[in-house]
Amino acid sequence: MTILDPYNWLKGELVLLLERITPQCKEIKFMISESMDRTLPLRQRLVVWLHKKACVCCRRYGRYLQFIRDNVREFPNHINESSNELLSLDAKERIKKALQEWRK
């Protein structure tokens, strides 16, 4: 006979409830992407937060986007470290300027 752990049962029920009351992952991923460019309204931020509590995939997607965003922001600081054989100094400066303006 297996003894059920009430905590795991409750946790599972909460996950199912959150899946029912929040939008599907496709819409949540869109909201996560949008949150990188602008501040979402409070209701949408709450919905995303609740959904991410239950959905490992959407949490991972949010971390992935944040990782990309952080690295893109750091790229202009390291553009001169690339090989001169691949890009001319003029091309590196144009890319650096474009990225800096894009971040504004």
PDB file of N, CA and C in Angstrom:
ATOM      1  N   MET A   1       0.848  -1.178   0.000  1.00  0.00           N
ATOM      2  CA  MET A   1       0.000   0.000   0.000  1.00  0.00           C
ATOM      3  C   MET A   1       0.894   1.243   0.000  1.00  0.00           C
ATOM      4  N   THR A   2       0.549   2.198  -0.852  1.00  0.00           N
ATOM      5  CA  THR A   2       1.302   3.436  -0.961  1.00  0.00           C
ATOM      6  C   THR A   2       0.617   4.520  -0.140  1.00  0.00           C
ATOM      7  N   ILE A   3       1.406   5.207   0.631  1.00  0.00           N
ATOM      8  CA  ILE A   3       0.877   6.325   1.410  1.00  0.00           C
ATOM      9  C   ILE A   3       1.094   7.592   0.593  1.00  0.00           C
ATOM     10  N   LEU A   4       0.028   8.312   0.311  1.00  0.00           N
ATOM     11  CA  LEU A   4       0.129   9.523  -0.502  1.00  0.00           C
ATOM     12  C   LEU A   4       0.626  10.679   0.350  1.00  0.00           C
ATOM     13  N   ASP A   5       1.548  11.408  -0.205  1.00  0.00           N
ATOM     14  CA  ASP A   5       2.067  12.594   0.470  1.00  0.00           C
ATOM     15  C   ASP A   5       1.098  13.742   0.187  1.00  0.00           C
ATOM     16  N   PRO A   6       0.437  14.271   1.227  1.00  0.00           N
ATOM     17  CA  PRO A   6      -0.556  15.330   0.998  1.00  0.00           C
ATOM     18  C   PRO A   6       0.045  16.591   0.381  1.00  0.00           C
ATOM     19  N   TYR A   7       1.319  16.869   0.668  1.00  0.00           N
ATOM     20  CA  TYR A   7       1.953  18.055   0.096  1.00  0.00           C
ATOM     21  C   TYR A   7       2.057  17.910  -1.418  1.00  0.00           C
ATOM     22  N   ASN A   8       2.494  16.750  -1.909  1.00  0.00           N
ATOM     23  CA  ASN A   8       2.607  16.544  -3.353  1.00  0.00           C
ATOM     24  C   ASN A   8       1.237  16.583  -4.023  1.00  0.00           C
ATOM     25  N   TRP A   9       0.240  16.044  -3.375  1.00  0.00           N
ATOM     26  CA  TRP A   9      -1.107  16.087  -3.921  1.00  0.00           C
ATOM     27  C   TRP A   9      -1.572  17.535  -4.045  1.00  0.00           C
ATOM     28  N   LEU A  10      -1.387  18.313  -2.981  1.00  0.00           N
ATOM     29  CA  LEU A  10      -1.797  19.716  -2.986  1.00  0.00           C
ATOM     30  C   LEU A  10      -1.026  20.508  -4.038  1.00  0.00           C
ATOM     31  N   LYS A  11       0.259  20.248  -4.131  1.00  0.00           N
ATOM     32  CA  LYS A  11       1.081  20.939  -5.132  1.00  0.00           C
ATOM     33  C   LYS A  11       0.569  20.629  -6.544  1.00  0.00           C
ATOM     34  N   GLY A  12       0.264  19.374  -6.800  1.00  0.00           N
ATOM     35  CA  GLY A  12      -0.269  18.981  -8.105  1.00  0.00           C
ATOM     36  C   GLY A  12      -1.591  19.652  -8.409  1.00  0.00           C
ATOM     37  N   GLU A  13      -2.464  19.734  -7.410  1.00  0.00           N
ATOM     38  CA  GLU A  13      -3.754  20.398  -7.596  1.00  0.00           C
ATOM     39  C   GLU A  13      -3.581  21.886  -7.873  1.00  0.00           C
ATOM     40  N   LEU A  14      -2.626  22.524  -7.199  1.00  0.00           N
ATOM     41  CA  LEU A  14      -2.365  23.952  -7.438  1.00  0.00           C
ATOM     42  C   LEU A  14      -1.845  24.180  -8.852  1.00  0.00           C
ATOM     43  N   VAL A  15      -0.979  23.305  -9.318  1.00  0.00           N
ATOM     44  CA  VAL A  15      -0.455  23.416 -10.686  1.00  0.00           C
ATOM     45  C   VAL A  15      -1.596  23.295 -11.692  1.00  0.00           C
ATOM     46  N   LEU A  16      -2.475  22.316 -11.487  1.00  0.00           N
ATOM     47  CA  LEU A  16      -3.619  22.149 -12.393  1.00  0.00           C
ATOM     48  C   LEU A  16      -4.534  23.371 -12.371  1.00  0.00           C
ATOM     49  N   LEU A  17      -4.754  23.937 -11.197  1.00  0.00           N
ATOM     50  CA  LEU A  17      -5.584  25.138 -11.081  1.00  0.00           C
ATOM     51  C   LEU A  17      -4.955  26.301 -11.843  1.00  0.00           C
ATOM     52  N   LEU A  18      -3.651  26.510 -11.665  1.00  0.00           N
ATOM     53  CA  LEU A  18      -2.976  27.600 -12.362  1.00  0.00           C
ATOM     54  C   LEU A  18      -3.014  27.406 -13.874  1.00  0.00           C
ATOM     55  N   GLU A  19      -2.914  26.167 -14.331  1.00  0.00           N
ATOM     56  CA  GLU A  19      -3.000  25.898 -15.770  1.00  0.00           C
ATOM     57  C   GLU A  19      -4.378  26.239 -16.314  1.00  0.00           C
ATOM     58  N   ARG A  20      -5.398  26.043 -15.495  1.00  0.00           N
ATOM     59  CA  ARG A  20      -6.765  26.331 -15.956  1.00  0.00           C
ATOM     60  C   ARG A  20      -7.080  27.822 -15.960  1.00  0.00           C
ATOM     61  N   ILE A  21      -6.513  28.577 -15.014  1.00  0.00           N
ATOM     62  CA  ILE A  21      -6.897  29.989 -14.903  1.00  0.00           C
ATOM     63  C   ILE A  21      -5.954  30.944 -15.639  1.00  0.00           C
ATOM     64  N   THR A  22      -4.821  30.445 -16.124  1.00  0.00           N
ATOM     65  CA  THR A  22      -3.908  31.313 -16.872  1.00  0.00           C
ATOM     66  C   THR A  22      -3.950  30.941 -18.355  1.00  0.00           C
ATOM     67  N   PRO A  23      -3.539  31.863 -19.218  1.00  0.00           N
ATOM     68  CA  PRO A  23      -3.530  31.576 -20.655  1.00  0.00           C
ATOM     69  C   PRO A  23      -2.558  30.442 -20.997  1.00  0.00           C
ATOM     70  N   GLN A  24      -2.640  29.967 -22.221  1.00  0.00           N
ATOM     71  CA  GLN A  24      -1.746  28.905 -22.682  1.00  0.00           C
ATOM     72  C   GLN A  24      -0.330  29.435 -22.838  1.00  0.00           C
ATOM     73  N   CYS A  25       0.604  28.504 -22.905  1.00  0.00           N
ATOM     74  CA  CYS A  25       2.030  28.851 -22.974  1.00  0.00           C
ATOM     75  C   CYS A  25       2.347  29.783 -24.147  1.00  0.00           C
ATOM     76  N   LYS A  26       1.727  29.571 -25.284  1.00  0.00           N
ATOM     77  CA  LYS A  26       2.002  30.397 -26.461  1.00  0.00           C
ATOM     78  C   LYS A  26       1.746  31.877 -26.144  1.00  0.00           C
ATOM     79  N   GLU A  27       0.641  32.170 -25.487  1.00  0.00           N
ATOM     80  CA  GLU A  27       0.321  33.550 -25.133  1.00  0.00           C
ATOM     81  C   GLU A  27       1.243  34.073 -24.030  1.00  0.00           C
ATOM     82  N   ILE A  28       1.577  33.229 -23.077  1.00  0.00           N
ATOM     83  CA  ILE A  28       2.476  33.630 -22.000  1.00  0.00           C
ATOM     84  C   ILE A  28       3.858  33.958 -22.561  1.00  0.00           C
ATOM     85  N   LYS A  29       4.337  33.140 -23.494  1.00  0.00           N
ATOM     86  CA  LYS A  29       5.650  33.403 -24.102  1.00  0.00           C
ATOM     87  C   LYS A  29       5.649  34.732 -24.847  1.00  0.00           C
ATOM     88  N   PHE A  30       4.542  35.050 -25.489  1.00  0.00           N
ATOM     89  CA  PHE A  30       4.423  36.352 -26.144  1.00  0.00           C
ATOM     90  C   PHE A  30       4.513  37.477 -25.107  1.00  0.00           C
ATOM     91  N   MET A  31       3.821  37.307 -23.983  1.00  0.00           N
ATOM     92  CA  MET A  31       3.860  38.326 -22.920  1.00  0.00           C
ATOM     93  C   MET A  31       5.260  38.457 -22.334  1.00  0.00           C
ATOM     94  N   ILE A  32       5.954  37.331 -22.158  1.00  0.00           N
ATOM     95  CA  ILE A  32       7.324  37.376 -21.646  1.00  0.00           C
ATOM     96  C   ILE A  32       8.210  38.155 -22.611  1.00  0.00           C
ATOM     97  N   SER A  33       8.049  37.895 -23.902  1.00  0.00           N
ATOM     98  CA  SER A  33       8.818  38.624 -24.914  1.00  0.00           C
ATOM     99  C   SER A  33       8.493  40.113 -24.881  1.00  0.00           C
ATOM    100  N   GLU A  34       7.229  40.434 -24.769  1.00  0.00           N
ATOM    101  CA  GLU A  34       6.804  41.835 -24.694  1.00  0.00           C
ATOM    102  C   GLU A  34       7.380  42.528 -23.457  1.00  0.00           C
ATOM    103  N   SER A  35       7.492  41.791 -22.361  1.00  0.00           N
ATOM    104  CA  SER A  35       7.991  42.391 -21.120  1.00  0.00           C
ATOM    105  C   SER A  35       9.457  42.791 -21.235  1.00  0.00           C
ATOM    106  N   MET A  36      10.157  42.279 -22.230  1.00  0.00           N
ATOM    107  CA  MET A  36      11.551  42.671 -22.452  1.00  0.00           C
ATOM    108  C   MET A  36      11.635  44.076 -23.050  1.00  0.00           C
ATOM    109  N   ASP A  37      10.570  44.492 -23.747  1.00  0.00           N
ATOM    110  CA  ASP A  37      10.570  45.792 -24.426  1.00  0.00           C
ATOM    111  C   ASP A  37       9.814  46.871 -23.678  1.00  0.00           C
ATOM    112  N   ARG A  38       8.850  46.468 -22.879  1.00  0.00           N
ATOM    113  CA  ARG A  38       8.042  47.457 -22.172  1.00  0.00           C
ATOM    114  C   ARG A  38       7.519  46.835 -20.879  1.00  0.00           C
ATOM    115  N   THR A  39       7.054  47.687 -19.986  1.00  0.00           N
ATOM    116  CA  THR A  39       6.458  47.205 -18.744  1.00  0.00           C
ATOM    117  C   THR A  39       5.021  46.789 -19.024  1.00  0.00           C
ATOM    118  N   LEU A  40       4.720  45.564 -18.676  1.00  0.00           N
ATOM    119  CA  LEU A  40       3.362  45.066 -18.875  1.00  0.00           C
ATOM    120  C   LEU A  40       2.426  45.656 -17.821  1.00  0.00           C
ATOM    121  N   PRO A  41       1.138  45.751 -18.139  1.00  0.00           N
ATOM    122  CA  PRO A  41       0.169  46.164 -17.121  1.00  0.00           C
ATOM    123  C   PRO A  41       0.198  45.167 -15.947  1.00  0.00           C
ATOM    124  N   LEU A  42      -0.199  45.634 -14.792  1.00  0.00           N
ATOM    125  CA  LEU A  42      -0.143  44.832 -13.578  1.00  0.00           C
ATOM    126  C   LEU A  42      -0.848  43.488 -13.730  1.00  0.00           C
ATOM    127  N   ARG A  43      -2.009  43.474 -14.349  1.00  0.00           N
ATOM    128  CA  ARG A  43      -2.759  42.221 -14.510  1.00  0.00           C
ATOM    129  C   ARG A  43      -1.970  41.207 -15.332  1.00  0.00           C
ATOM    130  N   GLN A  44      -1.353  41.663 -16.421  1.00  0.00           N
ATOM    131  CA  GLN A  44      -0.566  40.755 -17.261  1.00  0.00           C
ATOM    132  C   GLN A  44       0.675  40.256 -16.523  1.00  0.00           C
ATOM    133  N   ARG A  45       1.324  41.146 -15.766  1.00  0.00           N
ATOM    134  CA  ARG A  45       2.491  40.711 -14.988  1.00  0.00           C
ATOM    135  C   ARG A  45       2.101  39.642 -13.984  1.00  0.00           C
ATOM    136  N   LEU A  46       0.954  39.806 -13.355  1.00  0.00           N
ATOM    137  CA  LEU A  46       0.471  38.825 -12.389  1.00  0.00           C
ATOM    138  C   LEU A  46       0.158  37.493 -13.069  1.00  0.00           C
ATOM    139  N   VAL A  47      -0.484  37.546 -14.225  1.00  0.00           N
ATOM    140  CA  VAL A  47      -0.816  36.326 -14.971  1.00  0.00           C
ATOM    141  C   VAL A  47       0.461  35.589 -15.372  1.00  0.00           C
ATOM    142  N   VAL A  48       1.455  36.319 -15.865  1.00  0.00           N
ATOM    143  CA  VAL A  48       2.728  35.697 -16.257  1.00  0.00           C
ATOM    144  C   VAL A  48       3.403  35.081 -15.034  1.00  0.00           C
ATOM    145  N   TRP A  49       3.430  35.806 -13.940  1.00  0.00           N
ATOM    146  CA  TRP A  49       4.053  35.311 -12.712  1.00  0.00           C
ATOM    147  C   TRP A  49       3.381  34.027 -12.233  1.00  0.00           C
ATOM    148  N   LEU A  50       2.050  34.025 -12.203  1.00  0.00           N
ATOM    149  CA  LEU A  50       1.318  32.836 -11.774  1.00  0.00           C
ATOM    150  C   LEU A  50       1.591  31.652 -12.696  1.00  0.00           C
ATOM    151  N   HIS A  51       1.556  31.916 -14.002  1.00  0.00           N
ATOM    152  CA  HIS A  51       1.780  30.838 -14.963  1.00  0.00           C
ATOM    153  C   HIS A  51       3.187  30.254 -14.802  1.00  0.00           C
ATOM    154  N   LYS A  52       4.174  31.128 -14.624  1.00  0.00           N
ATOM    155  CA  LYS A  52       5.545  30.658 -14.490  1.00  0.00           C
ATOM    156  C   LYS A  52       5.757  29.854 -13.213  1.00  0.00           C
ATOM    157  N   LYS A  53       4.919  30.055 -12.216  1.00  0.00           N
ATOM    158  CA  LYS A  53       5.004  29.246 -10.994  1.00  0.00           C
ATOM    159  C   LYS A  53       4.657  27.792 -11.278  1.00  0.00           C
ATOM    160  N   ALA A  54       3.812  27.566 -12.271  1.00  0.00           N
ATOM    161  CA  ALA A  54       3.367  26.208 -12.582  1.00  0.00           C
ATOM    162  C   ALA A  54       4.067  25.609 -13.797  1.00  0.00           C
ATOM    163  N   CYS A  55       4.659  26.433 -14.645  1.00  0.00           N
ATOM    164  CA  CYS A  55       5.171  25.945 -15.930  1.00  0.00           C
ATOM    165  C   CYS A  55       6.698  26.087 -16.015  1.00  0.00           C
ATOM    166  N   VAL A  56       7.364  24.963 -15.986  1.00  0.00           N
ATOM    167  CA  VAL A  56       8.820  24.938 -16.079  1.00  0.00           C
ATOM    168  C   VAL A  56       9.297  25.480 -17.426  1.00  0.00           C
ATOM    169  N   CYS A  57       8.595  25.140 -18.488  1.00  0.00           N
ATOM    170  CA  CYS A  57       9.005  25.571 -19.830  1.00  0.00           C
ATOM    171  C   CYS A  57       8.985  27.091 -19.970  1.00  0.00           C
ATOM    172  N   CYS A  58       7.959  27.727 -19.449  1.00  0.00           N
ATOM    173  CA  CYS A  58       7.865  29.186 -19.560  1.00  0.00           C
ATOM    174  C   CYS A  58       8.894  29.881 -18.661  1.00  0.00           C
ATOM    175  N   ARG A  59       9.177  29.284 -17.497  1.00  0.00           N
ATOM    176  CA  ARG A  59      10.251  29.832 -16.650  1.00  0.00           C
ATOM    177  C   ARG A  59      11.574  29.769 -17.392  1.00  0.00           C
ATOM    178  N   ARG A  60      11.845  28.628 -18.017  1.00  0.00           N
ATOM    179  CA  ARG A  60      13.085  28.437 -18.766  1.00  0.00           C
ATOM    180  C   ARG A  60      13.152  29.409 -19.949  1.00  0.00           C
ATOM    181  N   TYR A  61      12.030  29.609 -20.625  1.00  0.00           N
ATOM    182  CA  TYR A  61      11.979  30.538 -21.754  1.00  0.00           C
ATOM    183  C   TYR A  61      12.316  31.965 -21.289  1.00  0.00           C
ATOM    184  N   GLY A  62      11.766  32.371 -20.156  1.00  0.00           N
ATOM    185  CA  GLY A  62      12.055  33.701 -19.614  1.00  0.00           C
ATOM    186  C   GLY A  62      13.528  33.873 -19.277  1.00  0.00           C
ATOM    187  N   ARG A  63      14.130  32.840 -18.671  1.00  0.00           N
ATOM    188  CA  ARG A  63      15.565  32.909 -18.349  1.00  0.00           C
ATOM    189  C   ARG A  63      16.400  32.964 -19.631  1.00  0.00           C
ATOM    190  N   TYR A  64      15.990  32.211 -20.642  1.00  0.00           N
ATOM    191  CA  TYR A  64      16.694  32.188 -21.920  1.00  0.00           C
ATOM    192  C   TYR A  64      16.672  33.574 -22.579  1.00  0.00           C
ATOM    193  N   LEU A  65      15.497  34.196 -22.615  1.00  0.00           N
ATOM    194  CA  LEU A  65      15.409  35.540 -23.197  1.00  0.00           C
ATOM    195  C   LEU A  65      16.239  36.547 -22.417  1.00  0.00           C
ATOM    196  N   GLN A  66      16.230  36.443 -21.091  1.00  0.00           N
ATOM    197  CA  GLN A  66      17.014  37.362 -20.270  1.00  0.00           C
ATOM    198  C   GLN A  66      18.508  37.171 -20.533  1.00  0.00           C
ATOM    199  N   PHE A  67      18.925  35.913 -20.691  1.00  0.00           N
ATOM    200  CA  PHE A  67      20.326  35.619 -21.002  1.00  0.00           C
ATOM    201  C   PHE A  67      20.732  36.269 -22.323  1.00  0.00           C
ATOM    202  N   ILE A  68      19.896  36.110 -23.336  1.00  0.00           N
ATOM    203  CA  ILE A  68      20.186  36.706 -24.650  1.00  0.00           C
ATOM    204  C   ILE A  68      20.249  38.224 -24.536  1.00  0.00           C
ATOM    205  N   ARG A  69      19.285  38.795 -23.839  1.00  0.00           N
ATOM    206  CA  ARG A  69      19.238  40.252 -23.692  1.00  0.00           C
ATOM    207  C   ARG A  69      20.484  40.784 -22.987  1.00  0.00           C
ATOM    208  N   ASP A  70      20.891  40.139 -21.916  1.00  0.00           N
ATOM    209  CA  ASP A  70      22.080  40.572 -21.179  1.00  0.00           C
ATOM    210  C   ASP A  70      23.328  40.490 -22.046  1.00  0.00           C
ATOM    211  N   ASN A  71      23.444  39.420 -22.831  1.00  0.00           N
ATOM    212  CA  ASN A  71      24.626  39.260 -23.674  1.00  0.00           C
ATOM    213  C   ASN A  71      24.644  40.232 -24.840  1.00  0.00           C
ATOM    214  N   VAL A  72      23.497  40.535 -25.408  1.00  0.00           N
ATOM    215  CA  VAL A  72      23.439  41.524 -26.485  1.00  0.00           C
ATOM    216  C   VAL A  72      23.832  42.898 -25.959  1.00  0.00           C
ATOM    217  N   ARG A  73      23.430  43.206 -24.749  1.00  0.00           N
ATOM    218  CA  ARG A  73      23.799  44.506 -24.167  1.00  0.00           C
ATOM    219  C   ARG A  73      25.294  44.610 -23.909  1.00  0.00           C
ATOM    220  N   GLU A  74      25.934  43.505 -23.602  1.00  0.00           N
ATOM    221  CA  GLU A  74      27.372  43.502 -23.342  1.00  0.00           C
ATOM    222  C   GLU A  74      28.203  43.442 -24.618  1.00  0.00           C
ATOM    223  N   PHE A  75      27.609  43.035 -25.732  1.00  0.00           N
ATOM    224  CA  PHE A  75      28.356  42.840 -26.968  1.00  0.00           C
ATOM    225  C   PHE A  75      29.130  44.076 -27.419  1.00  0.00           C
ATOM    226  N   PRO A  76      28.551  45.290 -27.388  1.00  0.00           N
ATOM    227  CA  PRO A  76      29.323  46.451 -27.844  1.00  0.00           C
ATOM    228  C   PRO A  76      30.618  46.658 -27.056  1.00  0.00           C
ATOM    229  N   ASN A  77      30.644  46.237 -25.808  1.00  0.00           N
ATOM    230  CA  ASN A  77      31.856  46.402 -25.001  1.00  0.00           C
ATOM    231  C   ASN A  77      32.963  45.450 -25.446  1.00  0.00           C
ATOM    232  N   HIS A  78      32.615  44.391 -26.165  1.00  0.00           N
ATOM    233  CA  HIS A  78      33.596  43.381 -26.560  1.00  0.00           C
ATOM    234  C   HIS A  78      33.794  43.286 -28.073  1.00  0.00           C
ATOM    235  N   ILE A  79      33.251  44.234 -28.824  1.00  0.00           N
ATOM    236  CA  ILE A  79      33.321  44.141 -30.287  1.00  0.00           C
ATOM    237  C   ILE A  79      34.758  44.196 -30.796  1.00  0.00           C
ATOM    238  N   ASN A  80      35.623  44.933 -30.116  1.00  0.00           N
ATOM    239  CA  ASN A  80      37.004  45.052 -30.581  1.00  0.00           C
ATOM    240  C   ASN A  80      37.825  43.801 -30.306  1.00  0.00           C
ATOM    241  N   GLU A  81      37.284  42.871 -29.543  1.00  0.00           N
ATOM    242  CA  GLU A  81      37.999  41.633 -29.244  1.00  0.00           C
ATOM    243  C   GLU A  81      37.898  40.626 -30.388  1.00  0.00           C
ATOM    244  N   SER A  82      37.001  40.867 -31.349  1.00  0.00           N
ATOM    245  CA  SER A  82      36.868  39.919 -32.454  1.00  0.00           C
ATOM    246  C   SER A  82      38.062  40.054 -33.398  1.00  0.00           C
ATOM    247  N   SER A  83      38.266  39.059 -34.189  1.00  0.00           N
ATOM    248  CA  SER A  83      39.410  39.014 -35.094  1.00  0.00           C
ATOM    249  C   SER A  83      39.312  40.105 -36.161  1.00  0.00           C
ATOM    250  N   ASN A  84      40.429  40.762 -36.430  1.00  0.00           N
ATOM    251  CA  ASN A  84      40.464  41.786 -37.476  1.00  0.00           C
ATOM    252  C   ASN A  84      40.310  41.180 -38.859  1.00  0.00           C
ATOM    253  N   GLU A  85      40.575  39.889 -38.995  1.00  0.00           N
ATOM    254  CA  GLU A  85      40.457  39.234 -40.289  1.00  0.00           C
ATOM    255  C   GLU A  85      38.997  39.135 -40.730  1.00  0.00           C
ATOM    256  N   LEU A  86      38.069  39.096 -39.772  1.00  0.00           N
ATOM    257  CA  LEU A  86      36.665  38.930 -40.109  1.00  0.00           C
ATOM    258  C   LEU A  86      35.969  40.264 -40.371  1.00  0.00           C
ATOM    259  N   LEU A  87      36.265  41.264 -39.574  1.00  0.00           N
ATOM    260  CA  LEU A  87      35.613  42.566 -39.722  1.00  0.00           C
ATOM    261  C   LEU A  87      36.654  43.675 -39.701  1.00  0.00           C
ATOM    262  N   SER A  88      36.413  44.683 -40.515  1.00  0.00           N
ATOM    263  CA  SER A  88      37.301  45.841 -40.480  1.00  0.00           C
ATOM    264  C   SER A  88      36.964  46.676 -39.248  1.00  0.00           C
ATOM    265  N   LEU A  89      37.892  47.542 -38.873  1.00  0.00           N
ATOM    266  CA  LEU A  89      37.662  48.410 -37.719  1.00  0.00           C
ATOM    267  C   LEU A  89      36.444  49.297 -37.955  1.00  0.00           C
ATOM    268  N   ASP A  90      36.267  49.759 -39.199  1.00  0.00           N
ATOM    269  CA  ASP A  90      35.116  50.594 -39.547  1.00  0.00           C
ATOM    270  C   ASP A  90      33.802  49.830 -39.364  1.00  0.00           C
ATOM    271  N   ALA A  91      33.773  48.566 -39.791  1.00  0.00           N
ATOM    272  CA  ALA A  91      32.566  47.741 -39.635  1.00  0.00           C
ATOM    273  C   ALA A  91      32.257  47.519 -38.164  1.00  0.00           C
ATOM    274  N   LYS A  92      33.291  47.269 -37.361  1.00  0.00           N
ATOM    275  CA  LYS A  92      33.087  47.076 -35.921  1.00  0.00           C
ATOM    276  C   LYS A  92      32.489  48.323 -35.280  1.00  0.00           C
ATOM    277  N   GLU A  93      32.976  49.473 -35.680  1.00  0.00           N
ATOM    278  CA  GLU A  93      32.462  50.732 -35.116  1.00  0.00           C
ATOM    279  C   GLU A  93      31.005  50.959 -35.523  1.00  0.00           C
ATOM    280  N   ARG A  94      30.650  50.638 -36.773  1.00  0.00           N
ATOM    281  CA  ARG A  94      29.262  50.786 -37.211  1.00  0.00           C
ATOM    282  C   ARG A  94      28.339  49.860 -36.416  1.00  0.00           C
ATOM    283  N   ILE A  95      28.774  48.628 -36.211  1.00  0.00           N
ATOM    284  CA  ILE A  95      27.966  47.674 -35.431  1.00  0.00           C
ATOM    285  C   ILE A  95      27.824  48.156 -33.990  1.00  0.00           C
ATOM    286  N   LYS A  96      28.920  48.605 -33.418  1.00  0.00           N
ATOM    287  CA  LYS A  96      28.897  49.092 -32.034  1.00  0.00           C
ATOM    288  C   LYS A  96      27.939  50.269 -31.893  1.00  0.00           C
ATOM    289  N   LYS A  97      27.995  51.196 -32.833  1.00  0.00           N
ATOM    290  CA  LYS A  97      27.116  52.371 -32.803  1.00  0.00           C
ATOM    291  C   LYS A  97      25.649  51.958 -32.960  1.00  0.00           C
ATOM    292  N   ALA A  98      25.381  51.050 -33.891  1.00  0.00           N
ATOM    293  CA  ALA A  98      24.002  50.586 -34.114  1.00  0.00           C
ATOM    294  C   ALA A  98      23.444  49.889 -32.876  1.00  0.00           C
ATOM    295  N   LEU A  99      24.248  49.062 -32.232  1.00  0.00           N
ATOM    296  CA  LEU A  99      23.785  48.377 -31.017  1.00  0.00           C
ATOM    297  C   LEU A  99      23.543  49.354 -29.876  1.00  0.00           C
ATOM    298  N   GLN A 100      24.402  50.352 -29.749  1.00  0.00           N
ATOM    299  CA  GLN A 100      24.213  51.341 -28.686  1.00  0.00           C
ATOM    300  C   GLN A 100      22.932  52.149 -28.908  1.00  0.00           C
ATOM    301  N   GLU A 101      22.641  52.502 -30.158  1.00  0.00           N
ATOM    302  CA  GLU A 101      21.433  53.245 -30.454  1.00  0.00           C
ATOM    303  C   GLU A 101      20.195  52.370 -30.278  1.00  0.00           C
ATOM    304  N   TRP A 102      20.315  51.076 -30.602  1.00  0.00           N
ATOM    305  CA  TRP A 102      19.198  50.148 -30.446  1.00  0.00           C
ATOM    306  C   TRP A 102      18.828  49.992 -28.974  1.00  0.00           C
ATOM    307  N   ARG A 103      19.814  50.040 -28.081  1.00  0.00           N
ATOM    308  CA  ARG A 103      19.561  49.875 -26.641  1.00  0.00           C
ATOM    309  C   ARG A 103      18.825  51.062 -26.047  1.00  0.00           C
ATOM    310  N   LYS A 104      18.863  52.221 -26.677  1.00  0.00           N
ATOM    311  CA  LYS A 104      18.230  53.427 -26.122  1.00  0.00           C
ATOM    312  C   LYS A 104      16.746  53.359 -26.153  1.00  0.00           C
TER     313      LYS A 104
END
